[in-house]
Amino acid sequence: MTILSPTIPWQPSPGASILDLGLIEEETFLGTGNESLHPPTVQLRDGLVDPLTVRLLPIAKAKRLCALVMFKVHDSLTVALAEPQNLQQIDEIERLTGLAVQPVRASKDSIESAIERCYRDGFRVDAINADLPPGMVSLGGPSVDNDPALDTGVPHESPVSSLLNFIIVHALRQNASDVHIEPTQSGMVVRIRVDGQLRELLKTRRALHGPLLSNLKTLANPKEAQANVSLEGRMHVTVEGRAIDIRVTTLPTIQGEKAALRILDRRHLTFNLQDLGMPTSILQKLQNQLARPHGLTLVTGPTGCGKTTTVYSMLQLIKSVQRNIVTVESPVEYQLDLVNQVPIGQGESLSFSTALRSILRQDPDVIMVGEIRDPETAALAIQASLSGHLVISTMHSQDSQSAITRLRDMGIEPHKIAASLTGVIAQRLIRQNCPYCQTTYYPEATELESVGYHSDRHEPFHRGEGCRECCDSGFKGRQAIFEFLTIDKDLQHQIRMGHPLSTTPATKTETGPIAPQGTRLIDMGLRLAEAGTTSIEEVIRVAHLE
């Protein structure tokens, strides 16, 4: 093929002349080439075009080159071209974007039509329906009578409904746990949390923000759907036959209302302790704790580290018709059979402490307190465990030993902590290397030293480089890491005497049998890094607490 010189005016190819004369349909012409000599041919539709990538090529250049940037995979752009063998065009696109180009063939008419659609301000919304067949998403909220006052004036097939469908479907496709809908001065940004990290899903014009929030609030909590008023509610969504619950909260900000959606996907949800990835030694100790008739077991860690899943798995293990199990939660995430769950939240008259007092008069065997947040709740949980009840609760603390310090800071007397507390689980969620782009590397010696890693290991570690499968993050999926602090007689004595816990022997905590000297969260993380499950950098990010 002859490369055109910039000084020579462009002339249409022979094929283009045939098309101009109308002697052959362009789509037919595209199929006449030898596949071994030509790039693959695509039929353009909006669902194939990434709204966040298309504008890497300015519209003027896109029109002049008859080129449409479709999507980005790592450092390579897939670009639809009418003449994909024109190396001059490919070189120019690579210079403009700074990325390698993988060309595909598409008809000139389809590219020009797609450019007109994709560079419109509304494309990020207009493109939504491309991947959503009719009836793919079914939205529902609480069952209430129709109220004309709650009518938002948004028809079912409006751009707002399509936008909400798009957000939900693509959040589920990327296994997102949360969705954030945030107004800005000039528009609206939607971000999703995948594997614990936020990433941008789309941006759109500001005019859609108000109707979207109004529609969302009406679906989640129609009785309290008011503008610029914080709201908590729940909506039920069916996507391709999958039943999904979505917890919705809104918050007024200086730019307008922000919405946060927590996705509760029941698919493959079994709440089984053996499926959480606990080392056998920790699992056995926890099962022994749960077999006791009384005592307090705490699960600690930051928001979003999987505490609720662990607690529900504990309840699933011990529930039976012979036990009266009562929980107090804010809010109730999932409903469990044979468990009496009491909701605490907006619109409820109960607080954790008042609900706990009522529960103690309900002849409970097991009490689960969603979270110990304040001294009053802590004191009641301690008292319940001392009066012959098995109590399970969660707490925000850095590690297992810090939970004891937190109880002290809440004013709980040391002798009561020592008498009631039987064990503390600390946990985190650590991202797993993407299996599609995983590669080997050798960490810097300073990184290994910073986490106290000392080994004669000469093999490389693993990490993901980033690819389309993992949205360039290098990670796909997460795994829990744990440590377990057993409150034995020696530790009870130290707590009772008020001794600093920093002097507590490290062997009191357990993370597993692989490295007997390693008993912290970071030690389990390092073992996962040794196995190639995650990277050293991820272990440092998640579990390096010092």
Protein backbone atom coordinates (compact mmCIF):
# COMPACT_ATOMS: atom_id res chain seq x y z
CA MET A 1 0.00 0.00 0.00
CA THR A 2 1.29 3.47 -0.90
CA ILE A 3 1.60 5.92 1.97
CA LEU A 4 0.15 9.30 1.00
CA SER A 5 2.49 12.28 1.25
CA PRO A 6 1.16 15.26 3.24
CA THR A 7 1.97 17.52 0.27
CA ILE A 8 -0.18 15.54 -2.15
CA PRO A 9 -3.93 16.26 -2.11
CA TRP A 10 -5.96 13.29 -0.94
CA GLN A 11 -7.70 11.37 -3.72
CA PRO A 12 -10.54 8.95 -3.12
CA SER A 13 -9.62 5.30 -3.36
CA PRO A 14 -11.01 3.22 -6.25
CA GLY A 15 -13.42 1.66 -3.85
CA ALA A 16 -14.68 5.03 -2.71
CA SER A 17 -15.26 6.05 -6.35
CA ILE A 18 -17.36 2.95 -6.92
CA LEU A 19 -19.40 3.80 -3.86
CA ASP A 20 -19.78 7.42 -4.98
CA LEU A 21 -21.22 6.21 -8.28
CA GLY A 22 -23.73 4.12 -6.38
CA LEU A 23 -22.65 0.90 -8.09
CA ILE A 24 -22.44 -1.03 -4.79
CA GLU A 25 -23.79 -0.66 -1.29
CA GLU A 26 -21.03 0.26 1.16
CA GLU A 27 -21.87 -2.49 3.68
CA THR A 28 -21.68 -5.02 0.82
CA PHE A 29 -18.37 -3.59 -0.35
CA LEU A 30 -16.86 -3.94 3.11
CA GLY A 31 -17.43 -7.66 3.03
CA THR A 32 -15.63 -8.25 -0.28
CA GLY A 33 -12.06 -7.94 1.00
CA ASN A 34 -9.75 -10.78 1.94
CA GLU A 35 -10.06 -11.19 5.74
CA SER A 36 -6.43 -12.22 6.02
CA LEU A 37 -5.33 -8.86 4.58
CA HIS A 38 -7.81 -6.54 6.23
CA PRO A 39 -8.61 -5.59 9.83
CA PRO A 40 -11.87 -6.95 11.27
CA THR A 41 -15.12 -5.28 10.28
CA VAL A 42 -17.56 -4.00 12.90
CA GLN A 43 -21.14 -2.83 12.71
CA LEU A 44 -21.17 0.32 14.83
CA ARG A 45 -23.73 0.74 17.55
CA ASP A 46 -23.62 3.01 20.56
CA GLY A 47 -23.23 0.15 23.00
CA LEU A 48 -19.80 -0.57 21.54
CA VAL A 49 -18.57 2.97 22.15
CA ASP A 50 -17.23 4.03 25.55
CA PRO A 51 -18.61 7.52 26.31
CA LEU A 52 -15.55 8.30 28.44
CA THR A 53 -13.08 7.43 25.66
CA VAL A 54 -14.65 8.72 22.45
CA ARG A 55 -13.60 12.35 23.09
CA LEU A 56 -9.91 11.50 23.24
CA LEU A 57 -10.04 12.44 19.56
CA PRO A 58 -11.41 15.99 19.04
CA ILE A 59 -14.54 16.11 16.92
CA ALA A 60 -12.90 18.14 14.15
CA LYS A 61 -10.18 15.52 13.80
CA ALA A 62 -12.71 12.70 13.98
CA LYS A 63 -14.72 14.19 11.11
CA ARG A 64 -11.66 14.94 8.97
CA LEU A 65 -10.18 11.48 9.45
CA CYS A 66 -13.56 9.72 9.46
CA ALA A 67 -12.47 7.96 12.63
CA LEU A 68 -14.31 7.01 15.80
CA VAL A 69 -12.50 6.04 19.01
CA MET A 70 -14.54 3.15 20.40
CA PHE A 71 -12.83 2.06 23.62
CA LYS A 72 -9.48 1.83 25.39
CA VAL A 73 -7.76 -1.38 26.50
CA HIS A 74 -4.72 -0.64 28.67
CA ASP A 75 -2.55 1.58 26.40
CA SER A 76 -4.31 0.77 23.15
CA LEU A 77 -7.30 2.42 21.47
CA THR A 78 -9.68 0.52 19.24
CA VAL A 79 -10.61 2.96 16.46
CA ALA A 80 -13.18 2.48 13.72
CA LEU A 81 -11.87 3.75 10.37
CA ALA A 82 -13.35 3.79 6.90
CA GLU A 83 -9.85 3.07 5.54
CA PRO A 84 -8.07 1.18 8.33
CA GLN A 85 -5.01 0.54 6.11
CA ASN A 86 -4.27 4.25 5.85
CA LEU A 87 -1.13 4.33 8.01
CA GLN A 88 -0.96 8.12 7.84
CA GLN A 89 -4.32 8.41 9.58
CA ILE A 90 -3.32 5.86 12.20
CA ASP A 91 -0.05 7.69 12.89
CA GLU A 92 -1.90 10.98 13.30
CA ILE A 93 -4.38 9.50 15.77
CA GLU A 94 -1.52 7.97 17.76
CA ARG A 95 0.21 11.37 17.91
CA LEU A 96 -2.98 13.12 19.00
CA THR A 97 -3.90 10.63 21.72
CA GLY A 98 -0.48 9.38 22.79
CA LEU A 99 -1.80 5.81 22.59
CA ALA A 100 -1.36 2.91 20.21
CA VAL A 101 -4.19 2.36 17.73
CA GLN A 102 -5.85 -0.96 16.93
CA PRO A 103 -7.88 -0.23 13.75
CA VAL A 104 -11.14 -1.88 12.77
CA ARG A 105 -13.18 -1.39 9.62
CA ALA A 106 -16.57 0.30 9.55
CA SER A 107 -18.57 1.93 6.81
CA LYS A 108 -18.04 5.63 6.16
CA ASP A 109 -21.75 6.31 6.58
CA SER A 110 -21.93 4.51 9.93
CA ILE A 111 -18.83 6.33 11.24
CA GLU A 112 -20.16 9.74 10.21
CA SER A 113 -23.53 8.96 11.77
CA ALA A 114 -21.87 7.71 14.96
CA ILE A 115 -19.71 10.83 15.21
CA GLU A 116 -22.83 13.01 15.12
CA ARG A 117 -24.35 10.99 17.95
CA CYS A 118 -21.28 10.37 20.08
CA TYR A 119 -20.07 13.96 20.30
CA ARG A 120 -23.45 15.36 21.34
CA ASP A 121 -23.67 16.57 24.93
CA GLY A 122 -26.33 13.99 25.63
CA PHE A 123 -24.51 10.99 24.18
CA ARG A 124 -23.62 9.60 27.59
CA VAL A 125 -27.33 9.31 28.20
CA ASP A 126 -28.50 8.63 24.63
CA ALA A 127 -26.09 5.69 24.32
CA ILE A 128 -27.58 4.03 27.37
CA ASN A 129 -30.32 2.08 25.64
CA ALA A 130 -27.89 0.44 23.21
CA ASP A 131 -27.03 -2.39 25.62
CA LEU A 132 -30.40 -2.58 27.36
CA PRO A 133 -33.02 -4.69 25.60
CA PRO A 134 -36.63 -3.81 26.45
CA GLY A 135 -37.65 -5.20 29.83
CA MET A 136 -34.08 -5.87 30.92
CA VAL A 137 -34.46 -3.76 34.05
CA SER A 138 -37.53 -3.69 36.28
CA LEU A 139 -37.57 -1.05 38.99
CA GLY A 140 -39.75 -1.24 42.05
CA GLY A 141 -40.00 0.36 45.45
CA PRO A 142 -42.14 -0.09 48.54
CA SER A 143 -45.72 -1.09 47.90
CA VAL A 144 -47.83 2.07 48.29
CA ASP A 145 -50.98 3.48 46.80
CA ASN A 146 -50.48 5.79 43.85
CA ASP A 147 -50.37 9.37 45.01
CA PRO A 148 -50.64 12.19 42.44
CA ALA A 149 -48.48 14.35 44.71
CA LEU A 150 -45.60 11.92 44.22
CA ASP A 151 -45.76 12.06 40.43
CA THR A 152 -42.41 13.33 39.14
CA GLY A 153 -43.67 13.74 35.61
CA VAL A 154 -40.94 11.39 34.33
CA PRO A 155 -42.28 8.90 31.77
CA HIS A 156 -41.01 5.33 32.00
CA GLU A 157 -39.07 5.54 28.73
CA SER A 158 -37.63 9.01 29.41
CA PRO A 159 -33.89 9.75 29.39
CA VAL A 160 -34.03 9.78 33.19
CA SER A 161 -35.40 6.22 33.35
CA SER A 162 -32.84 5.13 30.78
CA LEU A 163 -30.07 6.79 32.76
CA LEU A 164 -31.08 5.02 35.97
CA ASN A 165 -31.26 1.70 34.11
CA PHE A 166 -27.81 2.29 32.65
CA ILE A 167 -26.28 3.12 36.03
CA ILE A 168 -27.71 0.02 37.69
CA VAL A 169 -26.87 -2.40 34.88
CA HIS A 170 -23.29 -1.22 34.44
CA ALA A 171 -22.69 -1.12 38.19
CA LEU A 172 -23.80 -4.76 38.39
CA ARG A 173 -21.73 -5.74 35.37
CA GLN A 174 -18.63 -4.35 37.07
CA ASN A 175 -19.53 -5.96 40.43
CA ALA A 176 -19.81 -2.59 42.14
CA SER A 177 -20.79 -2.44 45.79
CA ASP A 178 -21.83 1.23 45.82
CA VAL A 179 -22.93 3.96 43.42
CA HIS A 180 -22.42 7.68 44.06
CA ILE A 181 -24.48 10.22 42.13
CA GLU A 182 -22.93 13.64 42.67
CA PRO A 183 -23.89 17.07 41.33
CA THR A 184 -21.18 19.49 40.22
CA GLN A 185 -21.29 23.13 39.15
CA SER A 186 -21.52 22.23 35.48
CA GLY A 187 -22.99 18.74 35.44
CA MET A 188 -23.37 15.44 37.25
CA VAL A 189 -20.83 12.70 37.94
CA VAL A 190 -21.67 9.06 38.65
CA ARG A 191 -18.97 6.99 40.34
CA ILE A 192 -19.03 3.34 41.35
CA ARG A 193 -17.02 1.50 43.99
CA VAL A 194 -15.42 -1.66 42.63
CA ASP A 195 -13.15 -3.79 44.81
CA GLY A 196 -13.16 -1.00 47.39
CA GLN A 197 -11.99 1.73 44.99
CA LEU A 198 -14.09 4.47 43.39
CA ARG A 199 -14.02 4.87 39.61
CA GLU A 200 -15.94 7.19 37.31
CA LEU A 201 -18.80 5.61 35.38
CA LEU A 202 -20.11 8.62 33.48
CA LYS A 203 -20.63 12.36 33.36
CA THR A 204 -23.72 14.04 32.03
CA ARG A 205 -25.40 17.42 31.87
CA ARG A 206 -26.74 19.09 35.01
CA ALA A 207 -30.31 19.22 33.73
CA LEU A 208 -30.70 15.48 34.37
CA HIS A 209 -29.65 15.65 38.03
CA GLY A 210 -32.89 16.97 39.52
CA PRO A 211 -35.26 14.60 37.69
CA LEU A 212 -32.95 11.64 38.38
CA LEU A 213 -32.82 12.33 42.13
CA SER A 214 -36.57 12.91 42.26
CA ASN A 215 -37.25 9.66 40.44
CA LEU A 216 -34.78 7.78 42.63
CA LYS A 217 -36.24 9.10 45.89
CA THR A 218 -39.77 8.30 44.79
CA LEU A 219 -38.80 4.71 44.03
CA ALA A 220 -36.87 4.28 47.29
CA ASN A 221 -39.19 5.98 49.75
CA PRO A 222 -42.28 7.53 48.14
CA LYS A 223 -43.87 8.62 51.43
CA GLU A 224 -40.93 10.87 52.30
CA ALA A 225 -39.73 11.94 48.84
CA GLN A 226 -39.04 15.64 49.26
CA ALA A 227 -36.46 17.79 47.51
CA ASN A 228 -33.32 18.77 49.44
CA VAL A 229 -34.24 16.59 52.43
CA SER A 230 -31.99 13.67 53.39
CA LEU A 231 -33.69 10.34 52.88
CA GLU A 232 -33.14 6.65 53.56
CA GLY A 233 -35.01 4.04 51.60
CA ARG A 234 -34.82 0.83 49.66
CA MET A 235 -35.73 -0.17 46.15
CA HIS A 236 -36.05 -3.56 44.49
CA VAL A 237 -34.56 -4.16 41.07
CA THR A 238 -34.76 -7.11 38.72
CA VAL A 239 -32.00 -7.25 36.12
CA GLU A 240 -32.05 -10.15 33.66
CA GLY A 241 -33.91 -12.24 36.22
CA ARG A 242 -31.61 -11.31 39.11
CA ALA A 243 -33.35 -9.89 42.18
CA ILE A 244 -31.32 -7.02 43.62
CA ASP A 245 -32.03 -4.85 46.66
CA ILE A 246 -30.60 -1.32 46.63
CA ARG A 247 -30.34 0.81 49.76
CA VAL A 248 -30.66 4.49 48.88
CA THR A 249 -29.54 7.45 50.99
CA THR A 250 -29.47 11.10 49.95
CA LEU A 251 -27.68 14.08 51.42
CA PRO A 252 -28.04 17.81 50.64
CA THR A 253 -24.73 19.40 49.56
CA ILE A 254 -23.74 22.88 48.43
CA GLN A 255 -24.10 21.78 44.79
CA GLY A 256 -27.37 19.93 45.32
CA GLU A 257 -28.46 16.52 46.54
CA LYS A 258 -25.98 13.65 46.50
CA ALA A 259 -27.24 10.06 46.40
CA ALA A 260 -25.44 6.92 47.54
CA LEU A 261 -26.72 3.50 46.50
CA ARG A 262 -25.57 0.34 48.29
CA ILE A 263 -26.09 -2.72 46.08
CA LEU A 264 -27.23 -5.83 47.95
CA ASP A 265 -26.94 -8.75 45.55
CA ARG A 266 -28.37 -11.99 46.92
CA ARG A 267 -26.85 -14.05 44.11
CA HIS A 268 -24.52 -16.76 45.47
CA LEU A 269 -25.00 -15.29 48.97
CA THR A 270 -24.90 -18.16 51.47
CA PHE A 271 -23.39 -16.63 54.66
CA ASN A 272 -21.17 -19.62 55.33
CA LEU A 273 -18.14 -19.12 57.58
CA GLN A 274 -16.23 -21.76 55.63
CA ASP A 275 -16.57 -19.71 52.44
CA LEU A 276 -15.01 -16.52 53.86
CA GLY A 277 -11.42 -17.60 53.39
CA MET A 278 -10.60 -17.87 57.10
CA PRO A 279 -7.52 -19.94 57.97
CA THR A 280 -8.51 -23.21 59.63
CA SER A 281 -6.99 -22.17 62.96
CA ILE A 282 -9.12 -19.01 63.14
CA LEU A 283 -12.26 -20.83 61.99
CA GLN A 284 -11.89 -23.43 64.72
CA LYS A 285 -11.31 -20.82 67.42
CA LEU A 286 -14.33 -18.82 66.26
CA GLN A 287 -16.55 -21.90 66.23
CA ASN A 288 -15.44 -22.63 69.79
CA GLN A 289 -16.36 -19.07 70.78
CA LEU A 290 -19.83 -19.40 69.26
CA ALA A 291 -20.43 -22.68 71.10
CA ARG A 292 -20.29 -20.85 74.44
CA PRO A 293 -23.59 -19.99 76.17
CA HIS A 294 -22.48 -16.45 76.98
CA GLY A 295 -19.75 -13.89 76.32
CA LEU A 296 -19.02 -11.05 73.90
CA THR A 297 -17.41 -11.58 70.48
CA LEU A 298 -16.45 -8.50 68.46
CA VAL A 299 -15.80 -8.14 64.72
CA THR A 300 -13.73 -5.04 63.97
CA GLY A 301 -12.54 -3.14 60.94
CA PRO A 302 -13.33 -0.07 58.83
CA THR A 303 -16.53 0.53 56.87
CA GLY A 304 -16.87 -1.80 53.90
CA CYS A 305 -14.46 -4.49 55.09
CA GLY A 306 -17.07 -7.28 55.23
CA LYS A 307 -18.01 -7.19 58.92
CA THR A 308 -21.72 -7.65 58.18
CA THR A 309 -21.04 -10.73 56.05
CA THR A 310 -18.93 -12.25 58.83
CA VAL A 311 -21.55 -11.53 61.50
CA TYR A 312 -24.40 -12.91 59.37
CA SER A 313 -22.32 -16.04 58.72
CA MET A 314 -21.87 -16.44 62.48
CA LEU A 315 -25.63 -16.16 63.01
CA GLN A 316 -26.27 -18.60 60.18
CA LEU A 317 -24.05 -21.14 61.93
CA ILE A 318 -25.70 -20.95 65.35
CA LYS A 319 -29.36 -20.32 64.51
CA SER A 320 -31.82 -23.07 65.37
CA VAL A 321 -35.36 -23.57 66.60
CA GLN A 322 -33.94 -24.08 70.11
CA ARG A 323 -32.46 -20.57 70.24
CA ASN A 324 -34.10 -17.16 70.41
CA ILE A 325 -31.82 -14.91 68.36
CA VAL A 326 -32.56 -11.18 68.21
CA THR A 327 -30.60 -8.55 66.29
CA VAL A 328 -30.66 -4.77 66.29
CA GLU A 329 -29.33 -3.33 63.03
CA SER A 330 -29.03 0.01 61.24
CA PRO A 331 -30.25 -0.90 58.71
CA VAL A 332 -31.19 -4.55 58.23
CA GLU A 333 -29.06 -5.55 55.23
CA TYR A 334 -30.40 -9.07 54.62
CA GLN A 335 -33.26 -11.02 56.15
CA LEU A 336 -32.42 -14.29 57.90
CA ASP A 337 -34.80 -17.11 58.80
CA LEU A 338 -35.14 -17.95 62.52
CA VAL A 339 -33.64 -14.57 63.43
CA ASN A 340 -35.70 -11.69 64.84
CA GLN A 341 -34.23 -8.57 63.23
CA VAL A 342 -35.01 -5.11 64.64
CA PRO A 343 -34.33 -2.14 62.32
CA ILE A 344 -32.81 1.11 63.56
CA GLY A 345 -32.70 4.09 61.26
CA GLN A 346 -34.43 7.12 59.87
CA GLY A 347 -38.10 7.12 60.77
CA GLU A 348 -37.65 4.51 63.50
CA SER A 349 -38.37 5.40 67.12
CA LEU A 350 -35.69 3.07 68.49
CA SER A 351 -32.00 3.67 69.07
CA PHE A 352 -29.43 0.93 69.65
CA SER A 353 -29.57 1.43 73.40
CA THR A 354 -33.38 1.59 73.71
CA ALA A 355 -33.78 -1.42 71.41
CA LEU A 356 -31.21 -3.37 73.41
CA ARG A 357 -33.12 -2.70 76.64
CA SER A 358 -36.30 -4.02 75.03
CA ILE A 359 -34.52 -7.07 73.64
CA LEU A 360 -33.25 -8.03 77.10
CA ARG A 361 -36.90 -8.38 78.16
CA GLN A 362 -37.63 -10.73 75.21
CA ASP A 363 -35.93 -13.81 76.70
CA PRO A 364 -33.08 -13.87 74.15
CA ASP A 365 -30.37 -16.53 73.93
CA VAL A 366 -28.25 -14.68 71.38
CA ILE A 367 -28.12 -10.92 70.78
CA MET A 368 -26.47 -9.31 67.79
CA VAL A 369 -25.84 -5.56 68.02
CA GLY A 370 -25.14 -4.12 64.58
CA GLU A 371 -22.48 -1.75 65.87
CA ILE A 372 -21.21 -0.51 69.22
CA ARG A 373 -21.09 3.23 68.58
CA ASP A 374 -21.39 4.87 71.96
CA PRO A 375 -20.70 4.23 75.67
CA GLU A 376 -24.34 3.45 76.49
CA THR A 377 -24.60 0.73 73.84
CA ALA A 378 -21.20 -0.66 74.88
CA ALA A 379 -22.25 -0.84 78.53
CA LEU A 380 -25.54 -2.59 77.67
CA ALA A 381 -23.77 -5.13 75.41
CA ILE A 382 -21.25 -5.88 78.16
CA GLN A 383 -24.01 -6.23 80.75
CA ALA A 384 -26.00 -8.54 78.47
CA SER A 385 -23.02 -10.85 78.04
CA LEU A 386 -22.39 -10.87 81.80
CA SER A 387 -26.01 -11.81 82.46
CA GLY A 388 -25.83 -15.07 80.53
CA HIS A 389 -26.32 -14.09 76.88
CA LEU A 390 -24.14 -14.72 73.85
CA VAL A 391 -23.55 -11.27 72.33
CA ILE A 392 -22.08 -10.57 68.89
CA SER A 393 -21.30 -7.07 67.70
CA THR A 394 -19.09 -4.98 65.41
CA MET A 395 -16.87 -2.02 66.09
CA HIS A 396 -14.62 0.33 64.17
CA SER A 397 -11.04 -0.19 65.31
CA GLN A 398 -7.65 -0.54 63.67
CA ASP A 399 -6.96 -4.10 64.75
CA SER A 400 -8.10 -6.69 67.29
CA GLN A 401 -6.17 -5.27 70.24
CA SER A 402 -7.40 -1.74 69.49
CA ALA A 403 -10.96 -2.91 70.20
CA ILE A 404 -10.04 -3.33 73.87
CA THR A 405 -8.57 0.17 73.95
CA ARG A 406 -11.75 1.48 72.34
CA LEU A 407 -13.92 -0.10 75.03
CA ARG A 408 -11.70 1.45 77.69
CA ASP A 409 -12.03 4.85 76.01
CA MET A 410 -15.82 4.47 76.14
CA GLY A 411 -15.60 4.26 79.91
CA ILE A 412 -16.15 0.52 80.33
CA GLU A 413 -14.47 -0.68 83.50
CA PRO A 414 -11.47 -2.97 82.85
CA HIS A 415 -12.77 -5.79 85.04
CA LYS A 416 -16.04 -5.89 83.06
CA ILE A 417 -14.15 -6.03 79.75
CA ALA A 418 -12.00 -8.89 81.06
CA ALA A 419 -15.02 -10.80 82.36
CA SER A 420 -17.21 -10.44 79.26
CA LEU A 421 -14.98 -10.26 76.17
CA THR A 422 -14.06 -13.70 74.81
CA GLY A 423 -12.59 -12.93 71.38
CA VAL A 424 -12.03 -10.24 68.75
CA ILE A 425 -11.84 -10.72 64.98
CA ALA A 426 -10.17 -8.01 62.89
CA GLN A 427 -10.55 -8.13 59.14
CA ARG A 428 -9.88 -6.30 55.87
CA LEU A 429 -10.70 -6.90 52.22
CA ILE A 430 -7.65 -7.10 49.97
CA ARG A 431 -7.81 -6.89 46.18
CA GLN A 432 -6.77 -9.92 44.13
CA ASN A 433 -4.50 -9.69 41.11
CA CYS A 434 -6.33 -9.72 37.79
CA PRO A 435 -5.72 -13.17 36.23
CA TYR A 436 -5.90 -11.71 32.70
CA CYS A 437 -2.97 -9.29 33.06
CA GLN A 438 -1.00 -10.73 35.97
CA THR A 439 2.77 -10.55 35.59
CA THR A 440 5.82 -11.16 37.76
CA TYR A 441 7.99 -8.52 39.40
CA TYR A 442 10.49 -8.02 42.20
CA PRO A 443 9.44 -5.48 44.87
CA GLU A 444 11.92 -2.93 46.15
CA ALA A 445 13.82 -4.07 49.21
CA THR A 446 12.57 -1.02 51.10
CA GLU A 447 8.96 -2.11 50.53
CA LEU A 448 9.60 -5.53 51.99
CA GLU A 449 11.53 -4.08 54.92
CA SER A 450 8.73 -1.62 55.70
CA VAL A 451 6.37 -4.51 56.49
CA GLY A 452 8.98 -6.59 58.28
CA TYR A 453 9.18 -9.20 55.54
CA HIS A 454 12.29 -11.31 56.00
CA SER A 455 12.67 -14.38 53.85
CA ASP A 456 15.17 -16.27 51.72
CA ARG A 457 12.63 -16.20 48.89
CA HIS A 458 14.17 -15.70 45.44
CA GLU A 459 11.00 -16.15 43.38
CA PRO A 460 9.27 -13.07 41.98
CA PHE A 461 5.96 -11.75 43.28
CA HIS A 462 2.91 -11.05 41.11
CA ARG A 463 0.79 -8.03 40.25
CA GLY A 464 -1.66 -7.01 37.53
CA GLU A 465 -0.60 -4.57 34.84
CA GLY A 466 -4.12 -3.42 33.98
CA CYS A 467 -6.36 -4.51 31.10
CA ARG A 468 -9.90 -4.18 29.82
CA GLU A 469 -11.09 -7.05 32.03
CA CYS A 470 -10.11 -5.14 35.19
CA CYS A 471 -10.71 -1.60 33.83
CA ASP A 472 -6.95 -0.95 33.94
CA SER A 473 -6.81 -1.40 37.72
CA GLY A 474 -4.69 -4.57 37.77
CA PHE A 475 -7.10 -6.16 40.26
CA LYS A 476 -10.24 -8.26 39.95
CA GLY A 477 -12.15 -9.39 43.01
CA ARG A 478 -11.29 -9.25 46.70
CA GLN A 479 -10.47 -11.65 49.50
CA ALA A 480 -10.77 -11.20 53.24
CA ILE A 481 -7.79 -11.32 55.58
CA PHE A 482 -8.27 -11.95 59.29
CA GLU A 483 -6.65 -11.98 62.68
CA PHE A 484 -8.22 -13.39 65.83
CA LEU A 485 -7.47 -12.32 69.39
CA THR A 486 -8.36 -14.94 72.00
CA ILE A 487 -9.00 -13.52 75.46
CA ASP A 488 -7.36 -16.18 77.63
CA LYS A 489 -6.59 -16.01 81.35
CA ASP A 490 -3.25 -14.23 80.88
CA LEU A 491 -4.81 -11.54 78.70
CA GLN A 492 -7.79 -11.24 81.05
CA HIS A 493 -5.34 -10.48 83.86
CA GLN A 494 -3.57 -7.79 81.79
CA ILE A 495 -6.88 -6.16 80.87
CA ARG A 496 -8.14 -6.31 84.46
CA MET A 497 -4.93 -4.70 85.74
CA GLY A 498 -5.05 -2.01 83.06
CA HIS A 499 -1.66 -2.95 81.59
CA PRO A 500 -0.77 -1.50 78.16
CA LEU A 501 -1.75 -3.97 75.47
CA SER A 502 1.38 -3.20 73.46
CA THR A 503 3.18 -5.59 75.81
CA THR A 504 0.79 -8.42 74.96
CA PRO A 505 2.65 -11.30 73.27
CA ALA A 506 1.95 -11.39 69.55
CA THR A 507 1.18 -15.10 69.79
CA LYS A 508 -2.20 -14.25 71.31
CA THR A 509 -3.55 -13.43 67.85
CA GLU A 510 -3.91 -15.88 65.03
CA THR A 511 -3.89 -15.49 61.28
CA GLY A 512 -3.14 -19.06 60.32
CA PRO A 513 -0.63 -21.89 60.47
CA ILE A 514 1.63 -21.04 57.52
CA ALA A 515 3.95 -18.70 59.43
CA PRO A 516 3.68 -19.34 63.19
CA GLN A 517 5.52 -16.12 64.01
CA GLY A 518 3.11 -14.01 61.94
CA THR A 519 -0.09 -13.23 63.75
CA ARG A 520 -1.20 -9.88 62.36
CA LEU A 521 -3.45 -8.92 59.47
CA ILE A 522 -0.40 -8.02 57.43
CA ASP A 523 1.07 -11.48 57.89
CA MET A 524 -1.92 -13.11 56.24
CA GLY A 525 -1.68 -10.50 53.48
CA LEU A 526 1.99 -11.31 52.94
CA ARG A 527 1.18 -15.00 52.62
CA LEU A 528 -1.35 -14.15 49.92
CA ALA A 529 1.32 -12.10 48.14
CA GLU A 530 3.72 -15.05 48.35
CA ALA A 531 1.05 -17.23 46.74
CA GLY A 532 0.57 -14.73 43.89
CA THR A 533 -2.97 -13.83 44.95
CA THR A 534 -2.21 -10.15 45.51
CA SER A 535 0.69 -7.70 45.28
CA ILE A 536 3.02 -6.40 47.97
CA GLU A 537 1.79 -2.85 47.28
CA GLU A 538 -1.79 -3.91 47.96
CA VAL A 539 -0.79 -5.61 51.21
CA ILE A 540 0.93 -2.41 52.34
CA ARG A 541 -2.08 -0.29 51.35
CA VAL A 542 -4.62 -2.43 53.17
CA ALA A 543 -2.88 -4.02 56.13
CA HIS A 544 0.17 -1.95 57.06
CA LEU A 545 -1.25 -0.34 60.21
CA GLU A 546 1.89 1.03 61.83
